[in-house]
Amino acid sequence: MNETMKGRESRPAPSVIAVHDLSCLGRCALTLVIPALAAMGVQPLPLPTAVLSAHTGFSGVAVQRLDGFMADCVSHWKALDLAANAVYSGYLANEAQVDMVEDLIAWQRGEHGALAVVDPAMADNGRLYSGLPAGMPAAMKRLCARADVITPNLTEAALMLGRPYAEGPMSDAALFGLLSGFDAAHVILTSAILSDGSHANLCRARGEAGFWACPYRRIGAAFHGTGDLFASVLTGWLVRGAGVREAVARAGDFVRCVIEASAACGAPEREGVQLEASLRYLLAPEETEFNPRFIPVNAV
């Protein structure tokens, strides 16, 4: 056994409470979160919000919301004095579940100093996911204000801020307006198109007079679940001690690799990325091209 392996085994794995749905068909949410975190040496502690026969990209989906189980599970965890390194939430089925995650973050942060990562997974392509109540954007914005890191896509950011949805390209000022509209310590806006037509994941720390762009090469495929995968790998890197910009760059690079591999093998986009064949890249990550650039913006 080499010295690096000995060092890794000398301390417990960090743990993340993962508040997401479980879709039985189509790789997304917990079916991506659990293996991705585990492959990074992070223990996932799943708190399922709903069980779905398939993700919402399919029609006729059977759904069982788990509000009661969630409350009972957290009560049991409190009795056990469960301590986690982070709380990471994704798809929530209603406003009541948002309230539960707020309480969960307050408990874990107050008692154990846990990081709070919120992926407001509720919308894409300009509209809410089917079956979600109209009040979810306002509730999610409230939850995002409690977070250390949030990862909305363009649709989610626009809905939460009550602004028109635009896919892009977008001006630096328009993108800054989305990034600066939230109270979280770090806002990450995924899959943005800059004014020059390039693609990047953006991040801004509270108070910065501009934002960082972490560019990526666009792949002509639209696999479901890539947002969940990005936020999961990002969370894994954060609890392993990476800085936010490094975590954004590494997560974006991994998602690109997985999309490329999935497209190359002809996998159906609706069924999600072929994560199973790509986990080895998380087990032994290669060097990531880490070249974010800061874009200053004069706030109006």
C-alpha atoms as a PDB file:
ATOM      1  CA  MET A   1       0.000   0.000   0.000  1.00  0.00           C
ATOM      2  CA  ASN A   2       1.495   3.356  -1.013  1.00  0.00           C
ATOM      3  CA  GLU A   3       1.715   6.402   1.262  1.00  0.00           C
ATOM      4  CA  THR A   4      -1.086   8.242  -0.551  1.00  0.00           C
ATOM      5  CA  MET A   5      -3.498   5.366   0.016  1.00  0.00           C
ATOM      6  CA  LYS A   6      -2.464   5.130   3.671  1.00  0.00           C
ATOM      7  CA  GLY A   7      -3.211   8.829   4.110  1.00  0.00           C
ATOM      8  CA  ARG A   8      -6.649   8.473   2.585  1.00  0.00           C
ATOM      9  CA  GLU A   9      -7.524   5.583   4.841  1.00  0.00           C
ATOM     10  CA  SER A  10      -6.359   7.349   8.010  1.00  0.00           C
ATOM     11  CA  ARG A  11      -9.473   9.533   8.197  1.00  0.00           C
ATOM     12  CA  PRO A  12     -13.183   8.853   7.675  1.00  0.00           C
ATOM     13  CA  ALA A  13     -14.812   9.693   4.369  1.00  0.00           C
ATOM     14  CA  PRO A  14     -16.675  13.008   4.351  1.00  0.00           C
ATOM     15  CA  SER A  15     -20.451  12.645   4.125  1.00  0.00           C
ATOM     16  CA  VAL A  16     -23.181  14.494   2.244  1.00  0.00           C
ATOM     17  CA  ILE A  17     -26.918  14.431   2.951  1.00  0.00           C
ATOM     18  CA  ALA A  18     -28.360  14.193  -0.567  1.00  0.00           C
ATOM     19  CA  VAL A  19     -31.968  15.411  -0.747  1.00  0.00           C
ATOM     20  CA  HIS A  20     -33.158  14.282  -4.184  1.00  0.00           C
ATOM     21  CA  ASP A  21     -35.808  12.199  -5.902  1.00  0.00           C
ATOM     22  CA  LEU A  22     -35.355   8.599  -6.991  1.00  0.00           C
ATOM     23  CA  SER A  23     -36.313   8.011 -10.619  1.00  0.00           C
ATOM     24  CA  CYS A  24     -36.497   4.316 -11.430  1.00  0.00           C
ATOM     25  CA  LEU A  25     -35.889   4.838 -15.169  1.00  0.00           C
ATOM     26  CA  GLY A  26     -33.553   7.407 -16.640  1.00  0.00           C
ATOM     27  CA  ARG A  27     -30.273   8.376 -14.994  1.00  0.00           C
ATOM     28  CA  CYS A  28     -30.831  11.457 -12.869  1.00  0.00           C
ATOM     29  CA  ALA A  29     -31.063  12.551  -9.242  1.00  0.00           C
ATOM     30  CA  LEU A  30     -30.141   9.809  -6.742  1.00  0.00           C
ATOM     31  CA  THR A  31     -29.167   7.262  -9.398  1.00  0.00           C
ATOM     32  CA  LEU A  32     -26.406   9.710 -10.385  1.00  0.00           C
ATOM     33  CA  VAL A  33     -25.764  11.386  -7.036  1.00  0.00           C
ATOM     34  CA  ILE A  34     -24.994   8.223  -5.079  1.00  0.00           C
ATOM     35  CA  PRO A  35     -22.440   6.615  -7.436  1.00  0.00           C
ATOM     36  CA  ALA A  36     -20.754   9.932  -8.287  1.00  0.00           C
ATOM     37  CA  LEU A  37     -20.192  10.912  -4.652  1.00  0.00           C
ATOM     38  CA  ALA A  38     -19.135   7.408  -3.663  1.00  0.00           C
ATOM     39  CA  ALA A  39     -16.619   7.252  -6.510  1.00  0.00           C
ATOM     40  CA  MET A  40     -15.100  10.484  -5.186  1.00  0.00           C
ATOM     41  CA  GLY A  41     -14.614   8.983  -1.736  1.00  0.00           C
ATOM     42  CA  VAL A  42     -17.625  10.785  -0.263  1.00  0.00           C
ATOM     43  CA  GLN A  43     -20.372   8.974   1.654  1.00  0.00           C
ATOM     44  CA  PRO A  44     -23.846   9.786   0.287  1.00  0.00           C
ATOM     45  CA  LEU A  45     -26.635   9.884   2.874  1.00  0.00           C
ATOM     46  CA  PRO A  46     -29.770   9.839   0.697  1.00  0.00           C
ATOM     47  CA  LEU A  47     -32.970  11.566   1.769  1.00  0.00           C
ATOM     48  CA  PRO A  48     -35.435  10.776  -1.051  1.00  0.00           C
ATOM     49  CA  THR A  49     -38.075  13.392  -1.788  1.00  0.00           C
ATOM     50  CA  ALA A  50     -40.176  11.298  -4.162  1.00  0.00           C
ATOM     51  CA  VAL A  51     -40.108   8.009  -6.041  1.00  0.00           C
ATOM     52  CA  LEU A  52     -40.907   8.210  -9.744  1.00  0.00           C
ATOM     53  CA  SER A  53     -41.384   5.377 -12.213  1.00  0.00           C
ATOM     54  CA  ALA A  54     -39.255   7.440 -14.646  1.00  0.00           C
ATOM     55  CA  HIS A  55     -37.924  10.972 -14.743  1.00  0.00           C
ATOM     56  CA  THR A  56     -40.237  13.757 -15.883  1.00  0.00           C
ATOM     57  CA  GLY A  57     -38.921  13.648 -19.447  1.00  0.00           C
ATOM     58  CA  PHE A  58     -41.163  10.595 -19.906  1.00  0.00           C
ATOM     59  CA  SER A  59     -44.963  10.775 -20.110  1.00  0.00           C
ATOM     60  CA  GLY A  60     -47.421   9.010 -17.793  1.00  0.00           C
ATOM     61  CA  VAL A  61     -44.980   8.975 -14.869  1.00  0.00           C
ATOM     62  CA  ALA A  62     -46.141   7.384 -11.599  1.00  0.00           C
ATOM     63  CA  VAL A  63     -45.091   9.527  -8.622  1.00  0.00           C
ATOM     64  CA  GLN A  64     -45.101   8.895  -4.876  1.00  0.00           C
ATOM     65  CA  ARG A  65     -44.107  11.970  -2.826  1.00  0.00           C
ATOM     66  CA  LEU A  66     -42.359  11.205   0.443  1.00  0.00           C
ATOM     67  CA  ASP A  67     -43.090  14.185   2.695  1.00  0.00           C
ATOM     68  CA  GLY A  68     -44.022  12.011   5.670  1.00  0.00           C
ATOM     69  CA  PHE A  69     -41.002   9.739   5.306  1.00  0.00           C
ATOM     70  CA  MET A  70     -38.695  12.731   4.991  1.00  0.00           C
ATOM     71  CA  ALA A  71     -39.950  14.179   8.280  1.00  0.00           C
ATOM     72  CA  ASP A  72     -39.639  10.828  10.066  1.00  0.00           C
ATOM     73  CA  CYS A  73     -36.164  10.206   8.652  1.00  0.00           C
ATOM     74  CA  VAL A  74     -34.830  13.595   9.780  1.00  0.00           C
ATOM     75  CA  SER A  75     -36.377  13.102  13.226  1.00  0.00           C
ATOM     76  CA  HIS A  76     -34.528   9.790  13.539  1.00  0.00           C
ATOM     77  CA  TRP A  77     -31.281  11.388  12.358  1.00  0.00           C
ATOM     78  CA  LYS A  78     -31.647  14.105  14.982  1.00  0.00           C
ATOM     79  CA  ALA A  79     -32.100  11.462  17.660  1.00  0.00           C
ATOM     80  CA  LEU A  80     -28.882   9.854  16.412  1.00  0.00           C
ATOM     81  CA  ASP A  81     -27.127  13.250  16.288  1.00  0.00           C
ATOM     82  CA  LEU A  82     -26.120  12.580  12.696  1.00  0.00           C
ATOM     83  CA  ALA A  83     -23.281  14.843  11.557  1.00  0.00           C
ATOM     84  CA  ALA A  84     -22.659  15.511   7.858  1.00  0.00           C
ATOM     85  CA  ASN A  85     -20.123  17.634   6.035  1.00  0.00           C
ATOM     86  CA  ALA A  86     -22.719  19.023   3.649  1.00  0.00           C
ATOM     87  CA  VAL A  87     -26.406  19.164   2.836  1.00  0.00           C
ATOM     88  CA  TYR A  88     -27.005  18.991  -0.906  1.00  0.00           C
ATOM     89  CA  SER A  89     -30.551  19.338  -2.241  1.00  0.00           C
ATOM     90  CA  GLY A  90     -31.984  18.918  -5.715  1.00  0.00           C
ATOM     91  CA  TYR A  91     -35.514  18.146  -6.912  1.00  0.00           C
ATOM     92  CA  LEU A  92     -38.139  18.969  -4.294  1.00  0.00           C
ATOM     93  CA  ALA A  93     -41.768  18.076  -4.950  1.00  0.00           C
ATOM     94  CA  ASN A  94     -43.531  20.966  -3.203  1.00  0.00           C
ATOM     95  CA  GLU A  95     -43.150  23.970  -0.886  1.00  0.00           C
ATOM     96  CA  ALA A  96     -43.483  21.799   2.238  1.00  0.00           C
ATOM     97  CA  GLN A  97     -40.330  19.932   1.246  1.00  0.00           C
ATOM     98  CA  VAL A  98     -38.547  23.261   0.774  1.00  0.00           C
ATOM     99  CA  ASP A  99     -39.421  24.095   4.381  1.00  0.00           C
ATOM    100  CA  MET A 100     -37.997  20.757   5.518  1.00  0.00           C
ATOM    101  CA  VAL A 101     -34.722  21.353   3.697  1.00  0.00           C
ATOM    102  CA  GLU A 102     -34.465  24.827   5.253  1.00  0.00           C
ATOM    103  CA  ASP A 103     -34.769  23.248   8.700  1.00  0.00           C
ATOM    104  CA  LEU A 104     -32.289  20.511   7.752  1.00  0.00           C
ATOM    105  CA  ILE A 105     -29.696  23.078   6.650  1.00  0.00           C
ATOM    106  CA  ALA A 106     -30.204  25.131   9.811  1.00  0.00           C
ATOM    107  CA  TRP A 107     -29.699  22.041  11.987  1.00  0.00           C
ATOM    108  CA  GLN A 108     -26.645  20.667  10.207  1.00  0.00           C
ATOM    109  CA  ARG A 109     -25.001  24.062   9.823  1.00  0.00           C
ATOM    110  CA  GLY A 110     -25.736  25.108  13.402  1.00  0.00           C
ATOM    111  CA  GLU A 111     -24.697  21.850  15.041  1.00  0.00           C
ATOM    112  CA  HIS A 112     -21.967  20.621  12.705  1.00  0.00           C
ATOM    113  CA  GLY A 113     -20.895  23.500  10.445  1.00  0.00           C
ATOM    114  CA  ALA A 114     -22.137  21.728   7.327  1.00  0.00           C
ATOM    115  CA  LEU A 115     -21.859  23.266   3.877  1.00  0.00           C
ATOM    116  CA  ALA A 116     -25.203  23.906   2.131  1.00  0.00           C
ATOM    117  CA  VAL A 117     -25.424  23.314  -1.630  1.00  0.00           C
ATOM    118  CA  VAL A 118     -28.778  23.912  -3.344  1.00  0.00           C
ATOM    119  CA  ASP A 119     -29.441  22.844  -6.909  1.00  0.00           C
ATOM    120  CA  PRO A 120     -32.915  24.336  -7.559  1.00  0.00           C
ATOM    121  CA  ALA A 121     -33.775  21.501  -9.939  1.00  0.00           C
ATOM    122  CA  MET A 122     -37.267  22.489 -11.047  1.00  0.00           C
ATOM    123  CA  ALA A 123     -37.188  23.802 -14.618  1.00  0.00           C
ATOM    124  CA  ASP A 124     -35.508  23.792 -18.012  1.00  0.00           C
ATOM    125  CA  ASN A 125     -36.053  25.199 -21.490  1.00  0.00           C
ATOM    126  CA  GLY A 126     -38.100  28.103 -20.152  1.00  0.00           C
ATOM    127  CA  ARG A 127     -40.671  26.213 -18.075  1.00  0.00           C
ATOM    128  CA  LEU A 128     -41.262  24.397 -14.798  1.00  0.00           C
ATOM    129  CA  TYR A 129     -41.131  20.609 -14.671  1.00  0.00           C
ATOM    130  CA  SER A 130     -44.536  18.983 -14.959  1.00  0.00           C
ATOM    131  CA  GLY A 131     -46.376  18.426 -11.698  1.00  0.00           C
ATOM    132  CA  LEU A 132     -44.641  21.162  -9.706  1.00  0.00           C
ATOM    133  CA  PRO A 133     -46.796  23.842  -8.057  1.00  0.00           C
ATOM    134  CA  ALA A 134     -46.676  27.402  -9.382  1.00  0.00           C
ATOM    135  CA  GLY A 135     -45.224  28.617  -6.075  1.00  0.00           C
ATOM    136  CA  MET A 136     -42.009  26.617  -6.399  1.00  0.00           C
ATOM    137  CA  PRO A 137     -39.831  29.406  -7.873  1.00  0.00           C
ATOM    138  CA  ALA A 138     -40.541  31.693  -4.912  1.00  0.00           C
ATOM    139  CA  ALA A 139     -40.010  28.863  -2.432  1.00  0.00           C
ATOM    140  CA  MET A 140     -36.752  27.820  -4.114  1.00  0.00           C
ATOM    141  CA  LYS A 141     -35.482  31.391  -4.081  1.00  0.00           C
ATOM    142  CA  ARG A 142     -36.067  31.457  -0.326  1.00  0.00           C
ATOM    143  CA  LEU A 143     -34.131  28.209   0.041  1.00  0.00           C
ATOM    144  CA  CYS A 144     -31.303  29.506  -2.139  1.00  0.00           C
ATOM    145  CA  ALA A 145     -30.904  32.433   0.266  1.00  0.00           C
ATOM    146  CA  ARG A 146     -29.976  29.900   2.973  1.00  0.00           C
ATOM    147  CA  ALA A 147     -27.281  28.212   0.869  1.00  0.00           C
ATOM    148  CA  ASP A 148     -23.536  28.582   0.607  1.00  0.00           C
ATOM    149  CA  VAL A 149     -23.552  27.512  -3.045  1.00  0.00           C
ATOM    150  CA  ILE A 150     -26.413  27.395  -5.560  1.00  0.00           C
ATOM    151  CA  THR A 151     -26.393  25.986  -9.106  1.00  0.00           C
ATOM    152  CA  PRO A 152     -29.402  27.240 -11.102  1.00  0.00           C
ATOM    153  CA  ASN A 153     -29.613  26.916 -14.859  1.00  0.00           C
ATOM    154  CA  LEU A 154     -30.796  29.887 -16.937  1.00  0.00           C
ATOM    155  CA  THR A 155     -34.471  28.904 -16.713  1.00  0.00           C
ATOM    156  CA  GLU A 156     -34.380  28.422 -12.951  1.00  0.00           C
ATOM    157  CA  ALA A 157     -32.558  31.697 -12.363  1.00  0.00           C
ATOM    158  CA  ALA A 158     -35.033  33.613 -14.527  1.00  0.00           C
ATOM    159  CA  LEU A 159     -38.078  32.047 -12.838  1.00  0.00           C
ATOM    160  CA  MET A 160     -36.787  32.680  -9.324  1.00  0.00           C
ATOM    161  CA  LEU A 161     -35.955  36.310 -10.131  1.00  0.00           C
ATOM    162  CA  GLY A 162     -39.162  36.960 -12.102  1.00  0.00           C
ATOM    163  CA  ARG A 163     -37.261  37.835 -15.280  1.00  0.00           C
ATOM    164  CA  PRO A 164     -37.827  36.814 -18.912  1.00  0.00           C
ATOM    165  CA  TYR A 165     -36.064  33.631 -19.957  1.00  0.00           C
ATOM    166  CA  ALA A 166     -33.376  33.993 -22.601  1.00  0.00           C
ATOM    167  CA  GLU A 167     -31.195  31.135 -23.782  1.00  0.00           C
ATOM    168  CA  GLY A 168     -28.467  33.350 -25.183  1.00  0.00           C
ATOM    169  CA  PRO A 169     -26.082  34.624 -26.222  1.00  0.00           C
ATOM    170  CA  MET A 170     -26.421  37.109 -23.363  1.00  0.00           C
ATOM    171  CA  SER A 171     -24.529  40.255 -22.542  1.00  0.00           C
ATOM    172  CA  ASP A 172     -22.150  40.396 -19.597  1.00  0.00           C
ATOM    173  CA  ALA A 173     -24.516  42.818 -17.884  1.00  0.00           C
ATOM    174  CA  ALA A 174     -27.524  40.507 -18.318  1.00  0.00           C
ATOM    175  CA  LEU A 175     -25.612  37.523 -16.939  1.00  0.00           C
ATOM    176  CA  PHE A 176     -24.334  39.600 -14.042  1.00  0.00           C
ATOM    177  CA  GLY A 177     -27.929  40.594 -13.321  1.00  0.00           C
ATOM    178  CA  LEU A 178     -28.870  36.937 -12.887  1.00  0.00           C
ATOM    179  CA  LEU A 179     -25.811  36.109 -10.792  1.00  0.00           C
ATOM    180  CA  SER A 180     -26.211  39.115  -8.506  1.00  0.00           C
ATOM    181  CA  GLY A 181     -29.920  38.585  -7.887  1.00  0.00           C
ATOM    182  CA  PHE A 182     -29.404  35.936  -5.185  1.00  0.00           C
ATOM    183  CA  ASP A 183     -28.254  36.092  -1.574  1.00  0.00           C
ATOM    184  CA  ALA A 184     -26.206  32.865  -1.543  1.00  0.00           C
ATOM    185  CA  ALA A 185     -22.494  33.179  -0.796  1.00  0.00           C
ATOM    186  CA  HIS A 186     -21.624  31.682  -4.203  1.00  0.00           C
ATOM    187  CA  VAL A 187     -23.891  31.584  -7.257  1.00  0.00           C
ATOM    188  CA  ILE A 188     -23.056  29.210 -10.121  1.00  0.00           C
ATOM    189  CA  LEU A 189     -25.036  29.692 -13.313  1.00  0.00           C
ATOM    190  CA  THR A 190     -24.794  26.620 -15.512  1.00  0.00           C
ATOM    191  CA  SER A 191     -24.751  26.313 -19.304  1.00  0.00           C
ATOM    192  CA  ALA A 192     -24.593  30.014 -20.106  1.00  0.00           C
ATOM    193  CA  ILE A 193     -23.839  31.391 -23.566  1.00  0.00           C
ATOM    194  CA  LEU A 194     -21.632  34.469 -23.484  1.00  0.00           C
ATOM    195  CA  SER A 195     -21.947  37.430 -25.817  1.00  0.00           C
ATOM    196  CA  ASP A 196     -19.243  35.999 -28.094  1.00  0.00           C
ATOM    197  CA  GLY A 197     -21.192  32.740 -28.472  1.00  0.00           C
ATOM    198  CA  SER A 198     -18.888  30.669 -26.259  1.00  0.00           C
ATOM    199  CA  HIS A 199     -20.298  28.334 -23.604  1.00  0.00           C
ATOM    200  CA  ALA A 200     -19.341  28.505 -19.935  1.00  0.00           C
ATOM    201  CA  ASN A 201     -20.431  27.777 -16.409  1.00  0.00           C
ATOM    202  CA  LEU A 202     -20.343  31.028 -14.463  1.00  0.00           C
ATOM    203  CA  CYS A 203     -19.651  31.680 -10.792  1.00  0.00           C
ATOM    204  CA  ARG A 204     -19.728  34.753  -8.601  1.00  0.00           C
ATOM    205  CA  ALA A 205     -18.971  35.221  -4.933  1.00  0.00           C
ATOM    206  CA  ARG A 206     -21.210  37.624  -3.049  1.00  0.00           C
ATOM    207  CA  GLY A 207     -19.932  41.192  -3.450  1.00  0.00           C
ATOM    208  CA  GLU A 208     -17.723  40.616  -6.507  1.00  0.00           C
ATOM    209  CA  ALA A 209     -17.982  43.323  -9.163  1.00  0.00           C
ATOM    210  CA  GLY A 210     -18.154  40.806 -11.958  1.00  0.00           C
ATOM    211  CA  PHE A 211     -18.107  37.054 -12.422  1.00  0.00           C
ATOM    212  CA  TRP A 212     -15.873  34.152 -13.384  1.00  0.00           C
ATOM    213  CA  ALA A 213     -16.430  32.187 -16.584  1.00  0.00           C
ATOM    214  CA  CYS A 214     -15.296  28.558 -16.686  1.00  0.00           C
ATOM    215  CA  PRO A 215     -15.480  27.672 -20.396  1.00  0.00           C
ATOM    216  CA  TYR A 216     -16.317  24.256 -21.773  1.00  0.00           C
ATOM    217  CA  ARG A 217     -16.573  22.697 -25.196  1.00  0.00           C
ATOM    218  CA  ARG A 218     -20.195  22.290 -26.241  1.00  0.00           C
ATOM    219  CA  ILE A 219     -21.245  18.770 -27.277  1.00  0.00           C
ATOM    220  CA  GLY A 220     -24.234  18.516 -29.621  1.00  0.00           C
ATOM    221  CA  ALA A 221     -26.296  16.253 -27.385  1.00  0.00           C
ATOM    222  CA  ALA A 222     -28.977  16.850 -24.737  1.00  0.00           C
ATOM    223  CA  PHE A 223     -28.786  14.047 -22.194  1.00  0.00           C
ATOM    224  CA  HIS A 224     -31.093  14.167 -19.197  1.00  0.00           C
ATOM    225  CA  GLY A 225     -29.533  14.397 -15.732  1.00  0.00           C
ATOM    226  CA  THR A 226     -26.390  16.312 -16.638  1.00  0.00           C
ATOM    227  CA  GLY A 227     -27.319  19.144 -14.281  1.00  0.00           C
ATOM    228  CA  ASP A 228     -27.651  16.665 -11.412  1.00  0.00           C
ATOM    229  CA  LEU A 229     -24.295  15.147 -12.316  1.00  0.00           C
ATOM    230  CA  PHE A 230     -22.587  18.539 -12.477  1.00  0.00           C
ATOM    231  CA  ALA A 231     -23.912  19.596  -9.054  1.00  0.00           C
ATOM    232  CA  SER A 232     -22.993  16.224  -7.526  1.00  0.00           C
ATOM    233  CA  VAL A 233     -19.388  16.304  -8.719  1.00  0.00           C
ATOM    234  CA  LEU A 234     -19.136  19.963  -7.712  1.00  0.00           C
ATOM    235  CA  THR A 235     -20.335  19.069  -4.206  1.00  0.00           C
ATOM    236  CA  GLY A 236     -17.891  16.189  -4.012  1.00  0.00           C
ATOM    237  CA  TRP A 237     -14.963  18.444  -4.854  1.00  0.00           C
ATOM    238  CA  LEU A 238     -16.101  21.096  -2.377  1.00  0.00           C
ATOM    239  CA  VAL A 239     -16.259  18.683   0.553  1.00  0.00           C
ATOM    240  CA  ARG A 240     -12.860  17.360  -0.493  1.00  0.00           C
ATOM    241  CA  GLY A 241     -11.482  20.860  -0.012  1.00  0.00           C
ATOM    242  CA  ALA A 242     -11.416  22.356  -3.512  1.00  0.00           C
ATOM    243  CA  GLY A 243     -12.173  26.024  -4.042  1.00  0.00           C
ATOM    244  CA  VAL A 244     -15.398  26.974  -5.800  1.00  0.00           C
ATOM    245  CA  ARG A 245     -13.856  27.915  -9.150  1.00  0.00           C
ATOM    246  CA  GLU A 246     -11.733  24.761  -9.234  1.00  0.00           C
ATOM    247  CA  ALA A 247     -14.786  22.651  -8.351  1.00  0.00           C
ATOM    248  CA  VAL A 248     -16.810  24.304 -11.128  1.00  0.00           C
ATOM    249  CA  ALA A 249     -14.063  23.667 -13.681  1.00  0.00           C
ATOM    250  CA  ARG A 250     -13.552  20.047 -12.628  1.00  0.00           C
ATOM    251  CA  ALA A 251     -17.295  19.271 -12.558  1.00  0.00           C
ATOM    252  CA  GLY A 252     -17.806  20.833 -15.978  1.00  0.00           C
ATOM    253  CA  ASP A 253     -14.887  18.911 -17.418  1.00  0.00           C
ATOM    254  CA  PHE A 254     -16.183  15.590 -16.083  1.00  0.00           C
ATOM    255  CA  VAL A 255     -19.700  16.192 -17.395  1.00  0.00           C
ATOM    256  CA  ARG A 256     -18.266  17.009 -20.829  1.00  0.00           C
ATOM    257  CA  CYS A 257     -16.277  13.748 -20.826  1.00  0.00           C
ATOM    258  CA  VAL A 258     -19.360  11.734 -19.862  1.00  0.00           C
ATOM    259  CA  ILE A 259     -21.500  13.392 -22.543  1.00  0.00           C
ATOM    260  CA  GLU A 260     -18.839  12.708 -25.171  1.00  0.00           C
ATOM    261  CA  ALA A 261     -18.623   9.048 -24.169  1.00  0.00           C
ATOM    262  CA  SER A 262     -22.418   8.696 -24.110  1.00  0.00           C
ATOM    263  CA  ALA A 263     -22.850  10.295 -27.525  1.00  0.00           C
ATOM    264  CA  ALA A 264     -20.089   8.156 -29.001  1.00  0.00           C
ATOM    265  CA  CYS A 265     -21.828   4.918 -28.041  1.00  0.00           C
ATOM    266  CA  GLY A 266     -25.216   6.044 -29.364  1.00  0.00           C
ATOM    267  CA  ALA A 267     -26.998   6.021 -26.001  1.00  0.00           C
ATOM    268  CA  PRO A 268     -30.592   7.349 -26.003  1.00  0.00           C
ATOM    269  CA  GLU A 269     -30.494  10.906 -24.674  1.00  0.00           C
ATOM    270  CA  ARG A 270     -33.742  10.491 -22.726  1.00  0.00           C
ATOM    271  CA  GLU A 271     -32.235   7.680 -20.650  1.00  0.00           C
ATOM    272  CA  GLY A 272     -29.366   9.874 -19.456  1.00  0.00           C
ATOM    273  CA  VAL A 273     -25.601   9.706 -19.660  1.00  0.00           C
ATOM    274  CA  GLN A 274     -23.689   6.437 -19.515  1.00  0.00           C
ATOM    275  CA  LEU A 275     -22.223   7.128 -16.096  1.00  0.00           C
ATOM    276  CA  GLU A 276     -21.366   3.489 -15.455  1.00  0.00           C
ATOM    277  CA  ALA A 277     -18.666   3.535 -18.116  1.00  0.00           C
ATOM    278  CA  SER A 278     -17.214   6.846 -16.915  1.00  0.00           C
ATOM    279  CA  LEU A 279     -16.935   6.485 -13.135  1.00  0.00           C
ATOM    280  CA  ARG A 280     -13.293   5.511 -13.488  1.00  0.00           C
ATOM    281  CA  TYR A 281     -12.525   9.138 -14.376  1.00  0.00           C
ATOM    282  CA  LEU A 282     -13.758  10.178 -10.926  1.00  0.00           C
ATOM    283  CA  LEU A 283     -11.752   7.431  -9.255  1.00  0.00           C
ATOM    284  CA  ALA A 284      -8.539   8.675 -10.873  1.00  0.00           C
ATOM    285  CA  PRO A 285      -9.221  12.137 -12.324  1.00  0.00           C
ATOM    286  CA  GLU A 286      -6.878  13.469 -14.957  1.00  0.00           C
ATOM    287  CA  GLU A 287      -5.544  17.007 -14.853  1.00  0.00           C
ATOM    288  CA  THR A 288      -8.311  19.483 -15.621  1.00  0.00           C
ATOM    289  CA  GLU A 289      -7.612  22.490 -17.791  1.00  0.00           C
ATOM    290  CA  PHE A 290      -8.328  25.151 -15.174  1.00  0.00           C
ATOM    291  CA  ASN A 291      -8.587  28.472 -16.979  1.00  0.00           C
ATOM    292  CA  PRO A 292     -11.463  30.563 -15.640  1.00  0.00           C
ATOM    293  CA  ARG A 293     -11.434  34.221 -16.557  1.00  0.00           C
ATOM    294  CA  PHE A 294     -12.867  37.099 -14.570  1.00  0.00           C
ATOM    295  CA  ILE A 295     -15.333  39.346 -16.385  1.00  0.00           C
ATOM    296  CA  PRO A 296     -15.703  42.718 -14.628  1.00  0.00           C
ATOM    297  CA  VAL A 297     -19.124  44.320 -14.816  1.00  0.00           C
ATOM    298  CA  ASN A 298     -20.053  47.801 -13.705  1.00  0.00           C
ATOM    299  CA  ALA A 299     -23.157  47.298 -11.561  1.00  0.00           C
ATOM    300  CA  VAL A 300     -25.980  49.706 -12.355  1.00  0.00           C
END
